[in-house]
Amino acid sequence: MAGEDLSKVLMEILGLSTSPSSGGAYALILTEAEGNNRLPIIIGSFEAQAIALELENIKPPRPMTHDLLKNFVLSFDTEIKHVYINDLSDGTFFAQIIFQKNGEKIELDARPSDAIALAVRFDAPIYVNKDVLDEAGISTEPEHQTLEQALKGDEVKPGQEELSQLEKLEEELQTAIETENYEKAAKLRDRISKMKG
């Protein structure tokens, strides 16, 4: 498709879940619009509430911070075109909010949680950089070959012990994804990445 940026992957919000080991934080789960990858992002409770209220179409009696920002943006005849989670550094995600005013494109640095809280208010698409998704995403696609090998019960030969451990971790990862335990899935994904080198 002409003009399409292949480094940007369109995402949708799958949901929010509590993150017990993160002291009251929440996991915002994004999923590929046309794929099998999910991206968990740990966000604060205030931002989770702001996103959840808008997704559930609940209007508070007074404007919350992100509602105020939406009204502010609209008052200047500006609109949000999309948000873009463009980087991951030392476990921290980075995002940009792409505005448009009178045909001029404006990019602002933002936390992904704030960018997404505004995106849901403007019904703007959410994109993630493909490299970020490859690094931090969790595939929900079943590992058919690995499962078939496990079902065969092949005898472990020298040099295959590490592979068997990798297969076990991949199965645990798939179970964690299926049960929507994304925090455990993220940890397993990291262990698998280290094993694969």
C-alpha atoms as a PDB file:
ATOM      1  CA  MET A   1       0.000   0.000   0.000  1.00  0.00           C
ATOM      2  CA  ALA A   2       1.471   3.297  -1.058  1.00  0.00           C
ATOM      3  CA  GLY A   3       2.452   5.627   1.753  1.00  0.00           C
ATOM      4  CA  GLU A   4       1.901   3.052   4.493  1.00  0.00           C
ATOM      5  CA  ASP A   5       4.533   3.078   7.248  1.00  0.00           C
ATOM      6  CA  LEU A   6       5.463  -0.580   7.745  1.00  0.00           C
ATOM      7  CA  SER A   7       7.235   0.164  11.040  1.00  0.00           C
ATOM      8  CA  LYS A   8       3.874   1.092  12.642  1.00  0.00           C
ATOM      9  CA  VAL A   9       1.572  -1.695  13.811  1.00  0.00           C
ATOM     10  CA  LEU A  10      -2.079  -0.824  14.473  1.00  0.00           C
ATOM     11  CA  MET A  11      -3.163  -1.891  17.964  1.00  0.00           C
ATOM     12  CA  GLU A  12      -6.443  -2.098  19.864  1.00  0.00           C
ATOM     13  CA  ILE A  13      -7.112  -2.056  23.591  1.00  0.00           C
ATOM     14  CA  LEU A  14      -7.842  -5.573  24.806  1.00  0.00           C
ATOM     15  CA  GLY A  15      -8.380  -4.548  28.412  1.00  0.00           C
ATOM     16  CA  LEU A  16      -6.980  -3.604  31.791  1.00  0.00           C
ATOM     17  CA  SER A  17      -6.000  -5.927  34.610  1.00  0.00           C
ATOM     18  CA  THR A  18      -4.563  -5.400  38.044  1.00  0.00           C
ATOM     19  CA  SER A  19      -0.879  -6.046  38.499  1.00  0.00           C
ATOM     20  CA  PRO A  20      -0.515  -7.493  42.015  1.00  0.00           C
ATOM     21  CA  SER A  21       3.268  -7.237  42.272  1.00  0.00           C
ATOM     22  CA  SER A  22       3.396  -3.642  41.039  1.00  0.00           C
ATOM     23  CA  GLY A  23       1.882  -1.876  44.053  1.00  0.00           C
ATOM     24  CA  GLY A  24      -1.543  -0.845  42.784  1.00  0.00           C
ATOM     25  CA  ALA A  25      -0.501  -0.466  39.161  1.00  0.00           C
ATOM     26  CA  TYR A  26      -2.461  -1.893  36.249  1.00  0.00           C
ATOM     27  CA  ALA A  27      -1.507  -3.724  33.088  1.00  0.00           C
ATOM     28  CA  LEU A  28      -2.959  -2.148  29.959  1.00  0.00           C
ATOM     29  CA  ILE A  29      -3.106  -4.879  27.324  1.00  0.00           C
ATOM     30  CA  LEU A  30      -2.912  -3.858  23.679  1.00  0.00           C
ATOM     31  CA  THR A  31      -3.487  -6.410  20.932  1.00  0.00           C
ATOM     32  CA  GLU A  32      -2.609  -6.287  17.243  1.00  0.00           C
ATOM     33  CA  ALA A  33      -5.587  -5.305  15.107  1.00  0.00           C
ATOM     34  CA  GLU A  34      -4.495  -7.845  12.487  1.00  0.00           C
ATOM     35  CA  GLY A  35      -2.182 -10.238  14.270  1.00  0.00           C
ATOM     36  CA  ASN A  36      -1.508 -12.395  17.288  1.00  0.00           C
ATOM     37  CA  ASN A  37       0.751 -10.233  19.441  1.00  0.00           C
ATOM     38  CA  ARG A  38      -0.229  -8.561  22.679  1.00  0.00           C
ATOM     39  CA  LEU A  39       1.647  -5.778  24.418  1.00  0.00           C
ATOM     40  CA  PRO A  40       1.276  -5.364  28.188  1.00  0.00           C
ATOM     41  CA  ILE A  41       2.130  -1.899  29.521  1.00  0.00           C
ATOM     42  CA  ILE A  42       2.192  -1.199  33.258  1.00  0.00           C
ATOM     43  CA  ILE A  43       0.367   2.059  34.041  1.00  0.00           C
ATOM     44  CA  GLY A  44      -0.727   3.948  37.140  1.00  0.00           C
ATOM     45  CA  SER A  45      -4.161   3.664  38.710  1.00  0.00           C
ATOM     46  CA  PHE A  46      -5.176   7.230  37.753  1.00  0.00           C
ATOM     47  CA  GLU A  47      -4.432   6.633  34.070  1.00  0.00           C
ATOM     48  CA  ALA A  48      -6.113   3.202  34.206  1.00  0.00           C
ATOM     49  CA  GLN A  49      -9.222   4.839  35.647  1.00  0.00           C
ATOM     50  CA  ALA A  50      -9.160   7.536  32.949  1.00  0.00           C
ATOM     51  CA  ILE A  51      -8.966   4.899  30.201  1.00  0.00           C
ATOM     52  CA  ALA A  52     -11.570   2.605  31.790  1.00  0.00           C
ATOM     53  CA  LEU A  53     -14.112   5.398  32.299  1.00  0.00           C
ATOM     54  CA  GLU A  54     -13.914   6.376  28.643  1.00  0.00           C
ATOM     55  CA  LEU A  55     -14.028   2.774  27.394  1.00  0.00           C
ATOM     56  CA  GLU A  56     -17.135   2.161  29.525  1.00  0.00           C
ATOM     57  CA  ASN A  57     -18.628   5.478  28.361  1.00  0.00           C
ATOM     58  CA  ILE A  58     -18.956   6.709  31.960  1.00  0.00           C
ATOM     59  CA  LYS A  59     -18.994  10.489  32.232  1.00  0.00           C
ATOM     60  CA  PRO A  60     -17.938  11.896  35.620  1.00  0.00           C
ATOM     61  CA  PRO A  61     -19.898  14.910  36.911  1.00  0.00           C
ATOM     62  CA  ARG A  62     -16.828  17.145  36.465  1.00  0.00           C
ATOM     63  CA  PRO A  63     -14.119  16.824  33.796  1.00  0.00           C
ATOM     64  CA  MET A  64     -11.122  14.719  34.749  1.00  0.00           C
ATOM     65  CA  THR A  65      -7.620  15.726  33.650  1.00  0.00           C
ATOM     66  CA  HIS A  66      -7.737  13.892  30.303  1.00  0.00           C
ATOM     67  CA  ASP A  67     -11.240  15.271  29.608  1.00  0.00           C
ATOM     68  CA  LEU A  68      -9.895  18.757  30.299  1.00  0.00           C
ATOM     69  CA  LEU A  69      -6.986  18.134  27.918  1.00  0.00           C
ATOM     70  CA  LYS A  70      -9.418  16.970  25.224  1.00  0.00           C
ATOM     71  CA  ASN A  71     -11.503  20.130  25.661  1.00  0.00           C
ATOM     72  CA  PHE A  72      -8.325  22.232  25.572  1.00  0.00           C
ATOM     73  CA  VAL A  73      -7.129  20.607  22.341  1.00  0.00           C
ATOM     74  CA  LEU A  74     -10.548  21.027  20.705  1.00  0.00           C
ATOM     75  CA  SER A  75     -10.763  24.676  21.762  1.00  0.00           C
ATOM     76  CA  PHE A  76      -7.750  25.375  19.530  1.00  0.00           C
ATOM     77  CA  ASP A  77      -9.328  23.650  16.509  1.00  0.00           C
ATOM     78  CA  THR A  78      -6.809  20.854  16.799  1.00  0.00           C
ATOM     79  CA  GLU A  79      -7.363  17.118  16.702  1.00  0.00           C
ATOM     80  CA  ILE A  80      -5.396  14.027  17.607  1.00  0.00           C
ATOM     81  CA  LYS A  81      -4.675  11.973  14.487  1.00  0.00           C
ATOM     82  CA  HIS A  82      -3.069   9.024  16.286  1.00  0.00           C
ATOM     83  CA  VAL A  83      -0.747   8.011  19.089  1.00  0.00           C
ATOM     84  CA  TYR A  84       2.478   6.127  18.488  1.00  0.00           C
ATOM     85  CA  ILE A  85       4.371   4.043  21.037  1.00  0.00           C
ATOM     86  CA  ASN A  86       7.724   4.524  19.396  1.00  0.00           C
ATOM     87  CA  ASP A  87      10.423   3.360  21.805  1.00  0.00           C
ATOM     88  CA  LEU A  88      11.298   1.105  24.730  1.00  0.00           C
ATOM     89  CA  SER A  89      14.352   1.872  26.826  1.00  0.00           C
ATOM     90  CA  ASP A  90      15.311   0.233  30.137  1.00  0.00           C
ATOM     91  CA  GLY A  91      11.787  -1.140  30.542  1.00  0.00           C
ATOM     92  CA  THR A  92      10.134   2.248  29.945  1.00  0.00           C
ATOM     93  CA  PHE A  93       7.848   2.802  26.963  1.00  0.00           C
ATOM     94  CA  PHE A  94       7.862   6.136  25.117  1.00  0.00           C
ATOM     95  CA  ALA A  95       5.062   7.563  22.994  1.00  0.00           C
ATOM     96  CA  GLN A  96       4.139  10.479  20.785  1.00  0.00           C
ATOM     97  CA  ILE A  97       0.782  12.137  20.321  1.00  0.00           C
ATOM     98  CA  ILE A  98       0.336  13.233  16.711  1.00  0.00           C
ATOM     99  CA  PHE A  99      -1.886  16.318  16.417  1.00  0.00           C
ATOM    100  CA  GLN A 100      -3.109  18.100  13.338  1.00  0.00           C
ATOM    101  CA  LYS A 101      -4.010  21.782  13.150  1.00  0.00           C
ATOM    102  CA  ASN A 102      -4.773  23.522   9.858  1.00  0.00           C
ATOM    103  CA  GLY A 103      -3.047  20.712   7.965  1.00  0.00           C
ATOM    104  CA  GLU A 104       0.125  21.040  10.064  1.00  0.00           C
ATOM    105  CA  LYS A 105       1.388  17.943  11.875  1.00  0.00           C
ATOM    106  CA  ILE A 106       2.500  18.420  15.493  1.00  0.00           C
ATOM    107  CA  GLU A 107       4.249  15.686  17.515  1.00  0.00           C
ATOM    108  CA  LEU A 108       4.410  15.761  21.319  1.00  0.00           C
ATOM    109  CA  ASP A 109       6.330  13.403  23.590  1.00  0.00           C
ATOM    110  CA  ALA A 110       4.064  11.648  26.115  1.00  0.00           C
ATOM    111  CA  ARG A 111       3.759   8.676  28.415  1.00  0.00           C
ATOM    112  CA  PRO A 112       1.876   5.876  26.650  1.00  0.00           C
ATOM    113  CA  SER A 113      -0.791   5.861  29.380  1.00  0.00           C
ATOM    114  CA  ASP A 114      -1.585   9.555  28.854  1.00  0.00           C
ATOM    115  CA  ALA A 115      -1.406   9.228  25.071  1.00  0.00           C
ATOM    116  CA  ILE A 116      -3.832   6.294  25.113  1.00  0.00           C
ATOM    117  CA  ALA A 117      -6.171   8.046  27.584  1.00  0.00           C
ATOM    118  CA  LEU A 118      -6.414  10.865  25.031  1.00  0.00           C
ATOM    119  CA  ALA A 119      -6.622   8.499  22.042  1.00  0.00           C
ATOM    120  CA  VAL A 120      -9.740   6.817  23.437  1.00  0.00           C
ATOM    121  CA  ARG A 121     -11.335  10.251  23.944  1.00  0.00           C
ATOM    122  CA  PHE A 122     -10.629  11.254  20.338  1.00  0.00           C
ATOM    123  CA  ASP A 123     -11.325   7.782  18.924  1.00  0.00           C
ATOM    124  CA  ALA A 124      -7.806   7.985  17.483  1.00  0.00           C
ATOM    125  CA  PRO A 125      -5.844   4.916  16.374  1.00  0.00           C
ATOM    126  CA  ILE A 126      -2.991   3.554  18.490  1.00  0.00           C
ATOM    127  CA  TYR A 127       0.186   2.397  16.770  1.00  0.00           C
ATOM    128  CA  VAL A 128       3.263   0.628  18.121  1.00  0.00           C
ATOM    129  CA  ASN A 129       6.675   0.551  16.494  1.00  0.00           C
ATOM    130  CA  LYS A 130       7.258  -2.937  15.078  1.00  0.00           C
ATOM    131  CA  ASP A 131      10.647  -3.239  16.812  1.00  0.00           C
ATOM    132  CA  VAL A 132       9.057  -2.356  20.178  1.00  0.00           C
ATOM    133  CA  LEU A 133       6.327  -4.950  19.603  1.00  0.00           C
ATOM    134  CA  ASP A 134       8.913  -7.566  18.598  1.00  0.00           C
ATOM    135  CA  GLU A 135      10.922  -6.841  21.753  1.00  0.00           C
ATOM    136  CA  ALA A 136       8.157  -6.540  24.354  1.00  0.00           C
ATOM    137  CA  GLY A 137       5.151  -8.195  22.726  1.00  0.00           C
ATOM    138  CA  ILE A 138       3.788 -11.586  23.647  1.00  0.00           C
ATOM    139  CA  SER A 139       2.662 -13.882  20.838  1.00  0.00           C
ATOM    140  CA  THR A 140      -0.675 -15.613  21.374  1.00  0.00           C
ATOM    141  CA  GLU A 141      -0.059 -17.918  18.441  1.00  0.00           C
ATOM    142  CA  PRO A 142       0.257 -21.545  19.553  1.00  0.00           C
ATOM    143  CA  GLU A 143       3.634 -23.163  19.045  1.00  0.00           C
ATOM    144  CA  HIS A 144       2.332 -26.199  17.124  1.00  0.00           C
ATOM    145  CA  GLN A 145       5.721 -27.727  16.428  1.00  0.00           C
ATOM    146  CA  THR A 146       6.831 -27.438  20.057  1.00  0.00           C
ATOM    147  CA  LEU A 147       3.587 -28.983  21.325  1.00  0.00           C
ATOM    148  CA  GLU A 148       3.786 -31.826  18.794  1.00  0.00           C
ATOM    149  CA  GLN A 149       7.332 -32.579  19.878  1.00  0.00           C
ATOM    150  CA  ALA A 150       6.250 -32.604  23.514  1.00  0.00           C
ATOM    151  CA  LEU A 151       3.334 -34.952  22.740  1.00  0.00           C
ATOM    152  CA  LYS A 152       5.627 -37.389  20.901  1.00  0.00           C
ATOM    153  CA  GLY A 153       7.660 -37.800  24.082  1.00  0.00           C
ATOM    154  CA  ASP A 154      10.895 -38.162  22.156  1.00  0.00           C
ATOM    155  CA  GLU A 155      13.870 -39.368  24.130  1.00  0.00           C
ATOM    156  CA  VAL A 156      16.146 -36.551  25.288  1.00  0.00           C
ATOM    157  CA  LYS A 157      19.518 -36.802  23.593  1.00  0.00           C
ATOM    158  CA  PRO A 158      22.721 -35.046  24.661  1.00  0.00           C
ATOM    159  CA  GLY A 159      22.479 -31.336  23.831  1.00  0.00           C
ATOM    160  CA  GLN A 160      18.679 -31.389  23.844  1.00  0.00           C
ATOM    161  CA  GLU A 161      18.289 -30.753  27.582  1.00  0.00           C
ATOM    162  CA  GLU A 162      18.409 -26.966  27.116  1.00  0.00           C
ATOM    163  CA  LEU A 163      15.911 -27.252  24.258  1.00  0.00           C
ATOM    164  CA  SER A 164      13.528 -29.231  26.508  1.00  0.00           C
ATOM    165  CA  GLN A 165      13.732 -26.513  29.152  1.00  0.00           C
ATOM    166  CA  LEU A 166      13.043 -23.926  26.448  1.00  0.00           C
ATOM    167  CA  GLU A 167      10.017 -25.938  25.283  1.00  0.00           C
ATOM    168  CA  LYS A 168       8.702 -26.092  28.871  1.00  0.00           C
ATOM    169  CA  LEU A 169       9.076 -22.341  29.224  1.00  0.00           C
ATOM    170  CA  GLU A 170       7.306 -21.796  25.895  1.00  0.00           C
ATOM    171  CA  GLU A 171       4.415 -23.998  27.071  1.00  0.00           C
ATOM    172  CA  GLU A 172       4.256 -22.084  30.369  1.00  0.00           C
ATOM    173  CA  LEU A 173       4.244 -18.841  28.372  1.00  0.00           C
ATOM    174  CA  GLN A 174       1.337 -20.061  26.239  1.00  0.00           C
ATOM    175  CA  THR A 175      -0.609 -21.065  29.380  1.00  0.00           C
ATOM    176  CA  ALA A 176       0.081 -17.683  30.994  1.00  0.00           C
ATOM    177  CA  ILE A 177      -1.206 -15.919  27.872  1.00  0.00           C
ATOM    178  CA  GLU A 178      -4.316 -18.103  27.677  1.00  0.00           C
ATOM    179  CA  THR A 179      -5.119 -17.391  31.342  1.00  0.00           C
ATOM    180  CA  GLU A 180      -4.358 -13.681  30.735  1.00  0.00           C
ATOM    181  CA  ASN A 181      -1.569 -13.645  33.338  1.00  0.00           C
ATOM    182  CA  TYR A 182       0.420 -11.113  31.328  1.00  0.00           C
ATOM    183  CA  GLU A 183       2.858 -10.224  34.082  1.00  0.00           C
ATOM    184  CA  LYS A 184       4.010 -13.845  34.316  1.00  0.00           C
ATOM    185  CA  ALA A 185       3.987 -14.054  30.516  1.00  0.00           C
ATOM    186  CA  ALA A 186       6.288 -11.029  30.262  1.00  0.00           C
ATOM    187  CA  LYS A 187       8.751 -12.608  32.728  1.00  0.00           C
ATOM    188  CA  LEU A 188       8.680 -15.916  30.855  1.00  0.00           C
ATOM    189  CA  ARG A 189       9.173 -14.104  27.541  1.00  0.00           C
ATOM    190  CA  ASP A 190      12.285 -12.440  28.986  1.00  0.00           C
ATOM    191  CA  ARG A 191      13.684 -15.786  30.219  1.00  0.00           C
ATOM    192  CA  ILE A 192      13.054 -17.377  26.826  1.00  0.00           C
ATOM    193  CA  SER A 193      14.793 -14.472  25.063  1.00  0.00           C
ATOM    194  CA  LYS A 194      17.855 -14.905  27.309  1.00  0.00           C
ATOM    195  CA  MET A 195      17.978 -18.641  26.577  1.00  0.00           C
ATOM    196  CA  LYS A 196      17.760 -18.079  22.839  1.00  0.00           C
ATOM    197  CA  GLY A 197      20.614 -15.584  23.198  1.00  0.00           C
END
